[in-house]
Amino acid sequence: MGEKRMIRAARQLLVSLLAFASALVWLPDHAVANEGDGTVHAGPITTGSTHTGSGNTAPATEPSAGHVAASDQKATQTIEALNAPLYSPFTERYLLDEVKNLRQAVADVRVETTKMVTDRELEVADKALLYATDTVTYFFYLIAGASTLLVLVGWNSLREIKERATAMANDEILRITNSYESRLEKLERELHHKSRHIAATQEEIELTNEIHSLWLKASQESSPQNKIAIYDQILSLRPDDIEAITYKADAALLLGQAQWAMSLANRALAMDADNSHALYQRACAYAESGQVDEALRDLATAIGQADALREQAALDSSFSKLTELDAFQALVTPHGVDRQS
């Protein structure tokens, strides 16, 4: 609020200076220039400040908005009507004094504002210090009252309170200790279980990797004997591997061991009665052994579970003795294809 008043006073002061300067320079010249016409143009000069002998300027009253606007308009008209520059030593000196006074007023306002802020901060600090002092005093009063009460109650009551507090603390510590012990035991059991599970998983991964490498090795072998040896290694690692048993039966058929292949196929079907590959291998063994009905039965079951075996059976040499049979042709001929063609 003080800054707004200062700015308004400075503005009014500048307007007054301009009006005064224009009156000093322009009015006498204008009056002399118009003496021949018999007219004299002069008007009242209104200023919003009172000049004292010391050069300080202070507003007499707070000007209204209408008064300020009228003063601005008069000053503007006066400035626009000037015909000669305002180069006068007296005017320049006067303006310099007014500017100096204005700067001094700004400095005074700044000092006053700083002083007010400092006073407010000191007041807040005093209040905070007083509040802290009162708080500490009341706290000591409270301690003194509690000590007096304990003295009045007596040393026996103090001893009982101490014993009860010690017993309660011991009971609480025991309860917390038991709780943490039970939690630690449970956590330890879970850690052991997870450790065993992780170890079993690692062993299973290693076993799977080893079996996978054996399968890759078997796929690269061309000799049935070497394949059977690799399949035996796989079965030694995983005895219930049905796929290894059926592939071993296939290798036995390549060696002409139909009975051995049939035994391996029966072993695989004992583990999984619906395994189409095992049924197909047993059908091949039956066909090479001359058991036509059993061969056709197993082949039909295998093709019913995996239609891709239909084309394989048509090209398999194990069924060479059955190619002339209509039942075999009906099995290996795709649906919708004329067998006569």
C-alpha atoms as a PDB file:
ATOM      1  CA  MET A   1       0.000   0.000   0.000  1.00  0.00           C
ATOM      2  CA  GLY A   2       2.895   2.375   0.781  1.00  0.00           C
ATOM      3  CA  GLU A   3       4.496   1.676  -2.592  1.00  0.00           C
ATOM      4  CA  LYS A   4       1.256   2.521  -4.421  1.00  0.00           C
ATOM      5  CA  ARG A   5       0.992   5.817  -2.561  1.00  0.00           C
ATOM      6  CA  MET A   6       4.616   6.590  -3.332  1.00  0.00           C
ATOM      7  CA  ILE A   7       4.128   5.895  -7.057  1.00  0.00           C
ATOM      8  CA  ARG A   8       0.985   8.017  -7.121  1.00  0.00           C
ATOM      9  CA  ALA A   9       2.814  10.877  -5.357  1.00  0.00           C
ATOM     10  CA  ALA A  10       5.744  10.623  -7.792  1.00  0.00           C
ATOM     11  CA  ARG A  11       3.393  10.711 -10.732  1.00  0.00           C
ATOM     12  CA  GLN A  12       1.605  13.756  -9.343  1.00  0.00           C
ATOM     13  CA  LEU A  13       4.962  15.400  -8.683  1.00  0.00           C
ATOM     14  CA  LEU A  14       6.114  14.895 -12.267  1.00  0.00           C
ATOM     15  CA  VAL A  15       2.882  16.323 -13.595  1.00  0.00           C
ATOM     16  CA  SER A  16       3.303  19.336 -11.314  1.00  0.00           C
ATOM     17  CA  LEU A  17       6.908  19.816 -12.469  1.00  0.00           C
ATOM     18  CA  LEU A  18       5.890  19.744 -16.108  1.00  0.00           C
ATOM     19  CA  ALA A  19       3.078  22.181 -15.480  1.00  0.00           C
ATOM     20  CA  PHE A  20       5.359  24.506 -13.523  1.00  0.00           C
ATOM     21  CA  ALA A  21       8.064  24.415 -16.164  1.00  0.00           C
ATOM     22  CA  SER A  22       5.605  25.110 -18.933  1.00  0.00           C
ATOM     23  CA  ALA A  23       4.251  28.059 -16.942  1.00  0.00           C
ATOM     24  CA  LEU A  24       7.746  29.490 -16.453  1.00  0.00           C
ATOM     25  CA  VAL A  25       8.803  29.256 -20.069  1.00  0.00           C
ATOM     26  CA  TRP A  26       5.748  29.188 -22.263  1.00  0.00           C
ATOM     27  CA  LEU A  27       3.336  31.609 -20.577  1.00  0.00           C
ATOM     28  CA  PRO A  28       5.574  34.732 -20.610  1.00  0.00           C
ATOM     29  CA  ASP A  29       6.614  34.165 -24.212  1.00  0.00           C
ATOM     30  CA  HIS A  30       3.050  33.478 -25.242  1.00  0.00           C
ATOM     31  CA  ALA A  31       1.833  36.602 -23.493  1.00  0.00           C
ATOM     32  CA  VAL A  32       4.467  38.787 -25.247  1.00  0.00           C
ATOM     33  CA  ALA A  33       3.667  37.173 -28.582  1.00  0.00           C
ATOM     34  CA  ASN A  34      -0.004  37.927 -28.194  1.00  0.00           C
ATOM     35  CA  GLU A  35       0.269  41.506 -26.886  1.00  0.00           C
ATOM     36  CA  GLY A  36      -0.157  42.835 -30.398  1.00  0.00           C
ATOM     37  CA  ASP A  37      -3.483  41.063 -30.678  1.00  0.00           C
ATOM     38  CA  GLY A  38      -4.708  42.428 -27.373  1.00  0.00           C
ATOM     39  CA  THR A  39      -5.228  38.922 -25.879  1.00  0.00           C
ATOM     40  CA  VAL A  40      -3.393  37.156 -23.111  1.00  0.00           C
ATOM     41  CA  HIS A  41      -3.641  33.384 -22.720  1.00  0.00           C
ATOM     42  CA  ALA A  42      -3.084  32.243 -19.196  1.00  0.00           C
ATOM     43  CA  GLY A  43      -4.618  29.680 -17.006  1.00  0.00           C
ATOM     44  CA  PRO A  44      -4.402  28.432 -13.464  1.00  0.00           C
ATOM     45  CA  ILE A  45      -1.709  25.931 -12.678  1.00  0.00           C
ATOM     46  CA  THR A  46      -2.757  23.300 -10.194  1.00  0.00           C
ATOM     47  CA  THR A  47      -0.217  21.200  -8.438  1.00  0.00           C
ATOM     48  CA  GLY A  48      -0.747  18.339  -6.136  1.00  0.00           C
ATOM     49  CA  SER A  49       2.159  19.169  -3.767  1.00  0.00           C
ATOM     50  CA  THR A  50       3.278  21.936  -1.393  1.00  0.00           C
ATOM     51  CA  HIS A  51       6.920  23.083  -1.529  1.00  0.00           C
ATOM     52  CA  THR A  52       8.603  23.972   1.722  1.00  0.00           C
ATOM     53  CA  GLY A  53      11.709  25.982   2.246  1.00  0.00           C
ATOM     54  CA  SER A  54      13.843  22.841   2.694  1.00  0.00           C
ATOM     55  CA  GLY A  55      12.881  21.426  -0.756  1.00  0.00           C
ATOM     56  CA  ASN A  56      10.900  18.403   0.569  1.00  0.00           C
ATOM     57  CA  THR A  57       7.583  17.651  -1.077  1.00  0.00           C
ATOM     58  CA  ALA A  58       4.598  16.144   0.727  1.00  0.00           C
ATOM     59  CA  PRO A  59       1.048  15.668  -0.633  1.00  0.00           C
ATOM     60  CA  ALA A  60      -1.532  17.803   1.120  1.00  0.00           C
ATOM     61  CA  THR A  61      -4.475  15.486   0.539  1.00  0.00           C
ATOM     62  CA  GLU A  62      -5.122  12.246  -1.310  1.00  0.00           C
ATOM     63  CA  PRO A  63      -6.189  13.266  -4.859  1.00  0.00           C
ATOM     64  CA  SER A  64      -9.214  11.653  -6.391  1.00  0.00           C
ATOM     65  CA  ALA A  65      -9.200   9.783  -9.699  1.00  0.00           C
ATOM     66  CA  GLY A  66     -11.114  12.565 -11.463  1.00  0.00           C
ATOM     67  CA  HIS A  67      -8.725  15.221 -10.178  1.00  0.00           C
ATOM     68  CA  VAL A  68      -5.710  13.215 -11.344  1.00  0.00           C
ATOM     69  CA  ALA A  69      -7.234  12.687 -14.778  1.00  0.00           C
ATOM     70  CA  ALA A  70      -8.033  16.424 -15.120  1.00  0.00           C
ATOM     71  CA  SER A  71      -4.486  17.351 -14.065  1.00  0.00           C
ATOM     72  CA  ASP A  72      -3.036  14.903 -16.585  1.00  0.00           C
ATOM     73  CA  GLN A  73      -5.215  16.342 -19.338  1.00  0.00           C
ATOM     74  CA  LYS A  74      -4.210  19.947 -18.505  1.00  0.00           C
ATOM     75  CA  ALA A  75      -0.553  18.981 -18.418  1.00  0.00           C
ATOM     76  CA  THR A  76      -0.854  17.191 -21.749  1.00  0.00           C
ATOM     77  CA  GLN A  77      -2.537  20.209 -23.358  1.00  0.00           C
ATOM     78  CA  THR A  78       0.123  22.524 -21.937  1.00  0.00           C
ATOM     79  CA  ILE A  79       2.965  20.336 -23.215  1.00  0.00           C
ATOM     80  CA  GLU A  80       1.407  20.058 -26.674  1.00  0.00           C
ATOM     81  CA  ALA A  81       1.058  23.879 -26.861  1.00  0.00           C
ATOM     82  CA  LEU A  82       4.750  24.540 -26.156  1.00  0.00           C
ATOM     83  CA  ASN A  83       6.544  26.467 -28.935  1.00  0.00           C
ATOM     84  CA  ALA A  84      10.005  26.734 -27.394  1.00  0.00           C
ATOM     85  CA  PRO A  85      12.289  24.239 -25.613  1.00  0.00           C
ATOM     86  CA  LEU A  86      12.469  24.205 -21.831  1.00  0.00           C
ATOM     87  CA  TYR A  87      16.137  25.117 -21.583  1.00  0.00           C
ATOM     88  CA  SER A  88      16.322  27.274 -18.461  1.00  0.00           C
ATOM     89  CA  PRO A  89      18.902  26.987 -15.653  1.00  0.00           C
ATOM     90  CA  PHE A  90      16.285  27.717 -13.072  1.00  0.00           C
ATOM     91  CA  THR A  91      13.954  25.047 -14.411  1.00  0.00           C
ATOM     92  CA  GLU A  92      16.754  22.494 -14.668  1.00  0.00           C
ATOM     93  CA  ARG A  93      17.821  23.192 -11.101  1.00  0.00           C
ATOM     94  CA  TYR A  94      14.278  22.883  -9.912  1.00  0.00           C
ATOM     95  CA  LEU A  95      13.788  19.571 -11.702  1.00  0.00           C
ATOM     96  CA  LEU A  96      17.039  18.178 -10.302  1.00  0.00           C
ATOM     97  CA  ASP A  97      15.991  19.122  -6.783  1.00  0.00           C
ATOM     98  CA  GLU A  98      12.633  17.471  -7.244  1.00  0.00           C
ATOM     99  CA  VAL A  99      14.209  14.309  -8.609  1.00  0.00           C
ATOM    100  CA  LYS A 100      16.596  14.252  -5.655  1.00  0.00           C
ATOM    101  CA  ASN A 101      13.686  14.674  -3.248  1.00  0.00           C
ATOM    102  CA  LEU A 102      11.830  11.884  -5.053  1.00  0.00           C
ATOM    103  CA  ARG A 103      14.807   9.518  -4.679  1.00  0.00           C
ATOM    104  CA  GLN A 104      15.102  10.446  -1.029  1.00  0.00           C
ATOM    105  CA  ALA A 105      11.406   9.683  -0.560  1.00  0.00           C
ATOM    106  CA  VAL A 106      11.838   6.282  -2.236  1.00  0.00           C
ATOM    107  CA  ALA A 107      14.811   5.512   0.008  1.00  0.00           C
ATOM    108  CA  ASP A 108      12.832   6.534   3.088  1.00  0.00           C
ATOM    109  CA  VAL A 109       9.962   4.290   2.090  1.00  0.00           C
ATOM    110  CA  ARG A 110      12.359   1.404   1.543  1.00  0.00           C
ATOM    111  CA  VAL A 111      13.973   1.938   4.939  1.00  0.00           C
ATOM    112  CA  GLU A 112      10.578   2.158   6.577  1.00  0.00           C
ATOM    113  CA  THR A 113       9.421  -1.034   4.877  1.00  0.00           C
ATOM    114  CA  THR A 114      12.583  -2.874   5.938  1.00  0.00           C
ATOM    115  CA  LYS A 115      12.104  -1.665   9.473  1.00  0.00           C
ATOM    116  CA  MET A 116       8.502  -2.860   9.520  1.00  0.00           C
ATOM    117  CA  VAL A 117       9.478  -6.325   8.220  1.00  0.00           C
ATOM    118  CA  THR A 118      12.314  -6.559  10.763  1.00  0.00           C
ATOM    119  CA  ASP A 119       9.977  -5.558  13.581  1.00  0.00           C
ATOM    120  CA  ARG A 120       7.475  -8.218  12.521  1.00  0.00           C
ATOM    121  CA  GLU A 121      10.163 -10.910  12.388  1.00  0.00           C
ATOM    122  CA  LEU A 122      11.470  -9.905  15.821  1.00  0.00           C
ATOM    123  CA  GLU A 123       7.947  -9.999  17.177  1.00  0.00           C
ATOM    124  CA  VAL A 124       7.409 -13.531  15.814  1.00  0.00           C
ATOM    125  CA  ALA A 125      10.760 -14.664  17.235  1.00  0.00           C
ATOM    126  CA  ASP A 126       9.873 -13.201  20.645  1.00  0.00           C
ATOM    127  CA  LYS A 127       6.546 -15.026  20.628  1.00  0.00           C
ATOM    128  CA  ALA A 128       8.199 -18.332  19.666  1.00  0.00           C
ATOM    129  CA  LEU A 129      10.825 -17.949  22.382  1.00  0.00           C
ATOM    130  CA  LEU A 130       8.136 -17.127  24.946  1.00  0.00           C
ATOM    131  CA  TYR A 131       6.122 -20.178  23.890  1.00  0.00           C
ATOM    132  CA  ALA A 132       9.182 -22.453  24.178  1.00  0.00           C
ATOM    133  CA  THR A 133      10.041 -21.046  27.597  1.00  0.00           C
ATOM    134  CA  ASP A 134       6.491 -21.582  28.856  1.00  0.00           C
ATOM    135  CA  THR A 135       6.467 -25.133  27.501  1.00  0.00           C
ATOM    136  CA  VAL A 136       9.711 -26.065  29.245  1.00  0.00           C
ATOM    137  CA  THR A 137       8.492 -24.450  32.458  1.00  0.00           C
ATOM    138  CA  TYR A 138       5.205 -26.383  32.397  1.00  0.00           C
ATOM    139  CA  PHE A 139       7.097 -29.596  31.630  1.00  0.00           C
ATOM    140  CA  PHE A 140       9.289 -29.148  34.678  1.00  0.00           C
ATOM    141  CA  TYR A 141       6.218 -28.371  36.743  1.00  0.00           C
ATOM    142  CA  LEU A 142       4.691 -31.629  35.548  1.00  0.00           C
ATOM    143  CA  ILE A 143       7.835 -33.586  36.471  1.00  0.00           C
ATOM    144  CA  ALA A 144       7.908 -31.970  39.891  1.00  0.00           C
ATOM    145  CA  GLY A 145       4.256 -32.862  40.473  1.00  0.00           C
ATOM    146  CA  ALA A 146       4.801 -36.470  39.399  1.00  0.00           C
ATOM    147  CA  SER A 147       7.853 -36.763  41.669  1.00  0.00           C
ATOM    148  CA  THR A 148       5.876 -35.387  44.577  1.00  0.00           C
ATOM    149  CA  LEU A 149       3.088 -37.895  43.916  1.00  0.00           C
ATOM    150  CA  LEU A 150       5.554 -40.771  43.873  1.00  0.00           C
ATOM    151  CA  VAL A 151       7.088 -39.627  47.145  1.00  0.00           C
ATOM    152  CA  LEU A 152       3.645 -39.458  48.719  1.00  0.00           C
ATOM    153  CA  VAL A 153       2.731 -42.937  47.517  1.00  0.00           C
ATOM    154  CA  GLY A 154       5.843 -44.388  49.127  1.00  0.00           C
ATOM    155  CA  TRP A 155       8.789 -46.581  48.343  1.00  0.00           C
ATOM    156  CA  ASN A 156       6.795 -49.803  48.704  1.00  0.00           C
ATOM    157  CA  SER A 157       4.446 -48.810  45.946  1.00  0.00           C
ATOM    158  CA  LEU A 158       7.433 -47.878  43.821  1.00  0.00           C
ATOM    159  CA  ARG A 159       8.948 -51.324  44.388  1.00  0.00           C
ATOM    160  CA  GLU A 160       5.686 -53.015  43.460  1.00  0.00           C
ATOM    161  CA  ILE A 161       5.369 -50.920  40.343  1.00  0.00           C
ATOM    162  CA  LYS A 162       8.918 -51.786  39.363  1.00  0.00           C
ATOM    163  CA  GLU A 163       8.356 -55.514  39.920  1.00  0.00           C
ATOM    164  CA  ARG A 164       5.115 -55.495  37.965  1.00  0.00           C
ATOM    165  CA  ALA A 165       6.685 -53.554  35.124  1.00  0.00           C
ATOM    166  CA  THR A 166       9.613 -56.001  35.056  1.00  0.00           C
ATOM    167  CA  ALA A 167       7.273 -59.014  35.001  1.00  0.00           C
ATOM    168  CA  MET A 168       5.135 -57.528  32.242  1.00  0.00           C
ATOM    169  CA  ALA A 169       8.236 -56.687  30.216  1.00  0.00           C
ATOM    170  CA  ASN A 170       9.596 -60.227  30.636  1.00  0.00           C
ATOM    171  CA  ASP A 171       6.265 -61.777  29.610  1.00  0.00           C
ATOM    172  CA  GLU A 172       6.047 -59.548  26.547  1.00  0.00           C
ATOM    173  CA  ILE A 173       9.640 -60.311  25.578  1.00  0.00           C
ATOM    174  CA  LEU A 174       8.980 -64.058  25.980  1.00  0.00           C
ATOM    175  CA  ARG A 175       5.854 -63.828  23.839  1.00  0.00           C
ATOM    176  CA  ILE A 176       7.659 -61.925  21.107  1.00  0.00           C
ATOM    177  CA  THR A 177      10.600 -64.347  21.239  1.00  0.00           C
ATOM    178  CA  ASN A 178       8.321 -67.387  20.872  1.00  0.00           C
ATOM    179  CA  SER A 179       6.485 -65.736  18.006  1.00  0.00           C
ATOM    180  CA  TYR A 180       9.700 -64.991  16.146  1.00  0.00           C
ATOM    181  CA  GLU A 181      11.049 -68.483  16.808  1.00  0.00           C
ATOM    182  CA  SER A 182       7.929 -70.065  15.299  1.00  0.00           C
ATOM    183  CA  ARG A 183       8.167 -67.755  12.295  1.00  0.00           C
ATOM    184  CA  LEU A 184      11.839 -68.569  11.822  1.00  0.00           C
ATOM    185  CA  GLU A 185      11.145 -72.307  12.009  1.00  0.00           C
ATOM    186  CA  LYS A 186       8.401 -71.976   9.411  1.00  0.00           C
ATOM    187  CA  LEU A 187      10.668 -69.903   7.192  1.00  0.00           C
ATOM    188  CA  GLU A 188      13.451 -72.463   7.583  1.00  0.00           C
ATOM    189  CA  ARG A 189      11.124 -75.316   6.554  1.00  0.00           C
ATOM    190  CA  GLU A 190       9.991 -73.348   3.508  1.00  0.00           C
ATOM    191  CA  LEU A 191      13.609 -72.617   2.574  1.00  0.00           C
ATOM    192  CA  HIS A 192      14.533 -76.309   2.851  1.00  0.00           C
ATOM    193  CA  HIS A 193      11.533 -77.278   0.725  1.00  0.00           C
ATOM    194  CA  LYS A 194      12.366 -74.694  -1.918  1.00  0.00           C
ATOM    195  CA  SER A 195      16.018 -75.721  -1.867  1.00  0.00           C
ATOM    196  CA  ARG A 196      15.062 -79.336  -2.494  1.00  0.00           C
ATOM    197  CA  HIS A 197      12.685 -78.268  -5.239  1.00  0.00           C
ATOM    198  CA  ILE A 198      15.393 -76.124  -6.863  1.00  0.00           C
ATOM    199  CA  ALA A 199      17.894 -78.968  -6.658  1.00  0.00           C
ATOM    200  CA  ALA A 200      15.390 -81.399  -8.182  1.00  0.00           C
ATOM    201  CA  THR A 201      14.631 -78.901 -10.933  1.00  0.00           C
ATOM    202  CA  GLN A 202      18.322 -78.477 -11.692  1.00  0.00           C
ATOM    203  CA  GLU A 203      18.763 -82.249 -11.872  1.00  0.00           C
ATOM    204  CA  GLU A 204      15.749 -82.514 -14.167  1.00  0.00           C
ATOM    205  CA  ILE A 205      17.157 -79.778 -16.413  1.00  0.00           C
ATOM    206  CA  GLU A 206      20.534 -81.511 -16.591  1.00  0.00           C
ATOM    207  CA  LEU A 207      18.814 -84.838 -17.326  1.00  0.00           C
ATOM    208  CA  THR A 208      16.672 -83.248 -20.024  1.00  0.00           C
ATOM    209  CA  ASN A 209      19.699 -81.624 -21.629  1.00  0.00           C
ATOM    210  CA  GLU A 210      21.569 -84.938 -21.641  1.00  0.00           C
ATOM    211  CA  ILE A 211      18.574 -86.784 -23.111  1.00  0.00           C
ATOM    212  CA  HIS A 212      18.141 -84.089 -25.726  1.00  0.00           C
ATOM    213  CA  SER A 213      21.771 -84.444 -26.769  1.00  0.00           C
ATOM    214  CA  LEU A 214      21.272 -88.228 -27.051  1.00  0.00           C
ATOM    215  CA  TRP A 215      18.205 -87.705 -29.253  1.00  0.00           C
ATOM    216  CA  LEU A 216      20.236 -85.417 -31.501  1.00  0.00           C
ATOM    217  CA  LYS A 217      22.968 -88.036 -31.661  1.00  0.00           C
ATOM    218  CA  ALA A 218      20.414 -90.743 -32.510  1.00  0.00           C
ATOM    219  CA  SER A 219      18.943 -88.655 -35.315  1.00  0.00           C
ATOM    220  CA  GLN A 220      22.386 -88.414 -36.889  1.00  0.00           C
ATOM    221  CA  GLU A 221      23.050 -92.157 -36.715  1.00  0.00           C
ATOM    222  CA  SER A 222      22.222 -94.322 -39.702  1.00  0.00           C
ATOM    223  CA  SER A 223      22.939 -97.758 -38.195  1.00  0.00           C
ATOM    224  CA  PRO A 224      20.045 -99.398 -36.318  1.00  0.00           C
ATOM    225  CA  GLN A 225      22.483-101.006 -33.863  1.00  0.00           C
ATOM    226  CA  ASN A 226      23.939 -97.603 -32.919  1.00  0.00           C
ATOM    227  CA  LYS A 227      20.463 -96.145 -32.596  1.00  0.00           C
ATOM    228  CA  ILE A 228      19.430 -98.978 -30.269  1.00  0.00           C
ATOM    229  CA  ALA A 229      22.514 -98.322 -28.136  1.00  0.00           C
ATOM    230  CA  ILE A 230      21.628 -94.635 -27.867  1.00  0.00           C
ATOM    231  CA  TYR A 231      17.989 -95.473 -27.039  1.00  0.00           C
ATOM    232  CA  ASP A 232      19.254 -97.791 -24.279  1.00  0.00           C
ATOM    233  CA  GLN A 233      21.219 -94.864 -22.836  1.00  0.00           C
ATOM    234  CA  ILE A 234      18.081 -92.711 -22.895  1.00  0.00           C
ATOM    235  CA  LEU A 235      16.073 -95.473 -21.176  1.00  0.00           C
ATOM    236  CA  SER A 236      18.763 -95.850 -18.528  1.00  0.00           C
ATOM    237  CA  LEU A 237      18.317 -92.179 -17.706  1.00  0.00           C
ATOM    238  CA  ARG A 238      14.521 -92.177 -18.038  1.00  0.00           C
ATOM    239  CA  PRO A 239      13.053 -95.731 -18.016  1.00  0.00           C
ATOM    240  CA  ASP A 240       9.482 -94.580 -18.621  1.00  0.00           C
ATOM    241  CA  ASP A 241      10.290 -92.696 -21.845  1.00  0.00           C
ATOM    242  CA  ILE A 242       7.632 -94.156 -24.192  1.00  0.00           C
ATOM    243  CA  GLU A 243       9.032 -92.344 -27.202  1.00  0.00           C
ATOM    244  CA  ALA A 244      12.446 -93.946 -26.734  1.00  0.00           C
ATOM    245  CA  ILE A 245      10.826 -97.416 -26.418  1.00  0.00           C
ATOM    246  CA  THR A 246       8.803 -96.993 -29.638  1.00  0.00           C
ATOM    247  CA  TYR A 247      11.829 -95.698 -31.565  1.00  0.00           C
ATOM    248  CA  LYS A 248      13.820 -98.664 -30.262  1.00  0.00           C
ATOM    249  CA  ALA A 249      11.062-100.966 -31.569  1.00  0.00           C
ATOM    250  CA  ASP A 250      11.329 -99.239 -34.941  1.00  0.00           C
ATOM    251  CA  ALA A 251      15.102 -99.885 -34.970  1.00  0.00           C
ATOM    252  CA  ALA A 252      14.463-103.551 -34.024  1.00  0.00           C
ATOM    253  CA  LEU A 253      12.139-103.873 -37.036  1.00  0.00           C
ATOM    254  CA  LEU A 254      14.901-102.514 -39.241  1.00  0.00           C
ATOM    255  CA  LEU A 255      17.104-105.339 -37.921  1.00  0.00           C
ATOM    256  CA  GLY A 256      14.347-107.884 -38.690  1.00  0.00           C
ATOM    257  CA  GLN A 257      13.638-108.584 -35.009  1.00  0.00           C
ATOM    258  CA  ALA A 258       9.821-108.647 -35.169  1.00  0.00           C
ATOM    259  CA  GLN A 259       9.333-110.418 -31.832  1.00  0.00           C
ATOM    260  CA  TRP A 260      11.652-108.006 -30.049  1.00  0.00           C
ATOM    261  CA  ALA A 261       9.846-105.069 -31.667  1.00  0.00           C
ATOM    262  CA  MET A 262       6.484-106.544 -30.587  1.00  0.00           C
ATOM    263  CA  SER A 263       7.731-106.903 -27.003  1.00  0.00           C
ATOM    264  CA  LEU A 264       8.925-103.285 -26.960  1.00  0.00           C
ATOM    265  CA  ALA A 265       5.595-102.091 -28.419  1.00  0.00           C
ATOM    266  CA  ASN A 266       3.668-104.036 -25.752  1.00  0.00           C
ATOM    267  CA  ARG A 267       5.878-102.440 -23.091  1.00  0.00           C
ATOM    268  CA  ALA A 268       5.055 -98.948 -24.422  1.00  0.00           C
ATOM    269  CA  LEU A 269       1.319 -99.727 -24.660  1.00  0.00           C
ATOM    270  CA  ALA A 270       1.358-100.944 -21.070  1.00  0.00           C
ATOM    271  CA  MET A 271       2.362 -97.414 -20.127  1.00  0.00           C
ATOM    272  CA  ASP A 272       0.033 -95.656 -22.598  1.00  0.00           C
ATOM    273  CA  ALA A 273      -2.621 -97.792 -24.270  1.00  0.00           C
ATOM    274  CA  ASP A 274      -3.569 -95.023 -26.727  1.00  0.00           C
ATOM    275  CA  ASN A 275      -0.067 -94.303 -28.022  1.00  0.00           C
ATOM    276  CA  SER A 276      -0.474 -94.293 -31.818  1.00  0.00           C
ATOM    277  CA  HIS A 277       3.246 -94.790 -32.531  1.00  0.00           C
ATOM    278  CA  ALA A 278       3.406 -97.894 -30.331  1.00  0.00           C
ATOM    279  CA  LEU A 279       0.260 -99.310 -32.003  1.00  0.00           C
ATOM    280  CA  TYR A 280       1.807 -98.700 -35.412  1.00  0.00           C
ATOM    281  CA  GLN A 281       5.066-100.434 -34.440  1.00  0.00           C
ATOM    282  CA  ARG A 282       3.159-103.447 -33.082  1.00  0.00           C
ATOM    283  CA  ALA A 283       1.097-103.587 -36.290  1.00  0.00           C
ATOM    284  CA  CYS A 284       4.366-103.673 -38.261  1.00  0.00           C
ATOM    285  CA  ALA A 285       5.646-106.475 -36.022  1.00  0.00           C
ATOM    286  CA  TYR A 286       2.407-108.424 -36.456  1.00  0.00           C
ATOM    287  CA  ALA A 287       2.579-107.973 -40.232  1.00  0.00           C
ATOM    288  CA  GLU A 288       6.160-109.232 -40.432  1.00  0.00           C
ATOM    289  CA  SER A 289       5.238-112.169 -38.158  1.00  0.00           C
ATOM    290  CA  GLY A 290       2.310-113.154 -40.405  1.00  0.00           C
ATOM    291  CA  GLN A 291      -0.446-112.187 -37.939  1.00  0.00           C
ATOM    292  CA  VAL A 292      -2.593-110.333 -40.450  1.00  0.00           C
ATOM    293  CA  ASP A 293      -5.729-109.774 -38.409  1.00  0.00           C
ATOM    294  CA  GLU A 294      -3.821-108.370 -35.445  1.00  0.00           C
ATOM    295  CA  ALA A 295      -1.776-106.187 -37.776  1.00  0.00           C
ATOM    296  CA  LEU A 296      -4.873-104.746 -39.473  1.00  0.00           C
ATOM    297  CA  ARG A 297      -6.554-104.164 -36.111  1.00  0.00           C
ATOM    298  CA  ASP A 298      -3.616-102.244 -34.622  1.00  0.00           C
ATOM    299  CA  LEU A 299      -3.063-100.324 -37.878  1.00  0.00           C
ATOM    300  CA  ALA A 300      -6.715 -99.255 -37.984  1.00  0.00           C
ATOM    301  CA  THR A 301      -6.528 -98.073 -34.376  1.00  0.00           C
ATOM    302  CA  ALA A 302      -3.283 -96.186 -35.005  1.00  0.00           C
ATOM    303  CA  ILE A 303      -4.615 -94.492 -38.168  1.00  0.00           C
ATOM    304  CA  GLY A 304      -7.798 -93.557 -36.318  1.00  0.00           C
ATOM    305  CA  GLN A 305      -5.707 -91.711 -33.723  1.00  0.00           C
ATOM    306  CA  ALA A 306      -3.157 -90.196 -36.143  1.00  0.00           C
ATOM    307  CA  ASP A 307      -4.277 -89.872 -39.759  1.00  0.00           C
ATOM    308  CA  ALA A 308      -0.723 -89.024 -40.834  1.00  0.00           C
ATOM    309  CA  LEU A 309       0.178 -92.721 -40.372  1.00  0.00           C
ATOM    310  CA  ARG A 310      -2.077 -93.642 -43.299  1.00  0.00           C
ATOM    311  CA  GLU A 311       0.428 -92.436 -45.910  1.00  0.00           C
ATOM    312  CA  GLN A 312       3.365 -93.867 -43.953  1.00  0.00           C
ATOM    313  CA  ALA A 313       1.714 -97.306 -43.838  1.00  0.00           C
ATOM    314  CA  ALA A 314       1.171 -97.281 -47.597  1.00  0.00           C
ATOM    315  CA  LEU A 315       4.925 -96.882 -48.126  1.00  0.00           C
ATOM    316  CA  ASP A 316       6.186 -99.026 -45.224  1.00  0.00           C
ATOM    317  CA  SER A 317       7.924-102.249 -46.309  1.00  0.00           C
ATOM    318  CA  SER A 318       6.703-104.030 -43.182  1.00  0.00           C
ATOM    319  CA  PHE A 319       3.232-104.205 -44.735  1.00  0.00           C
ATOM    320  CA  SER A 320       4.418-105.594 -48.071  1.00  0.00           C
ATOM    321  CA  LYS A 321       2.597-108.866 -47.405  1.00  0.00           C
ATOM    322  CA  LEU A 322      -0.707-106.990 -46.884  1.00  0.00           C
ATOM    323  CA  THR A 323      -0.730-104.792 -49.967  1.00  0.00           C
ATOM    324  CA  GLU A 324      -2.987-107.179 -51.886  1.00  0.00           C
ATOM    325  CA  LEU A 325      -5.649-107.211 -49.183  1.00  0.00           C
ATOM    326  CA  ASP A 326      -8.700-105.020 -49.674  1.00  0.00           C
ATOM    327  CA  ALA A 327      -8.877-104.319 -45.940  1.00  0.00           C
ATOM    328  CA  PHE A 328      -5.317-102.939 -46.004  1.00  0.00           C
ATOM    329  CA  GLN A 329      -6.016-100.848 -49.083  1.00  0.00           C
ATOM    330  CA  ALA A 330      -9.139 -99.480 -47.423  1.00  0.00           C
ATOM    331  CA  LEU A 331      -7.012 -98.388 -44.460  1.00  0.00           C
ATOM    332  CA  VAL A 332      -4.189 -96.723 -46.410  1.00  0.00           C
ATOM    333  CA  THR A 333      -6.378 -95.125 -49.079  1.00  0.00           C
ATOM    334  CA  PRO A 334      -7.336 -91.529 -48.136  1.00  0.00           C
ATOM    335  CA  HIS A 335     -11.052 -90.792 -47.809  1.00  0.00           C
ATOM    336  CA  GLY A 336     -12.692 -89.599 -51.027  1.00  0.00           C
ATOM    337  CA  VAL A 337     -10.068 -91.287 -53.267  1.00  0.00           C
ATOM    338  CA  ASP A 338     -11.154 -94.090 -55.595  1.00  0.00           C
ATOM    339  CA  ARG A 339      -9.076 -97.193 -54.865  1.00  0.00           C
ATOM    340  CA  GLN A 340      -9.413 -98.458 -58.418  1.00  0.00           C
ATOM    341  CA  SER A 341      -7.630 -95.424 -59.722  1.00  0.00           C
END
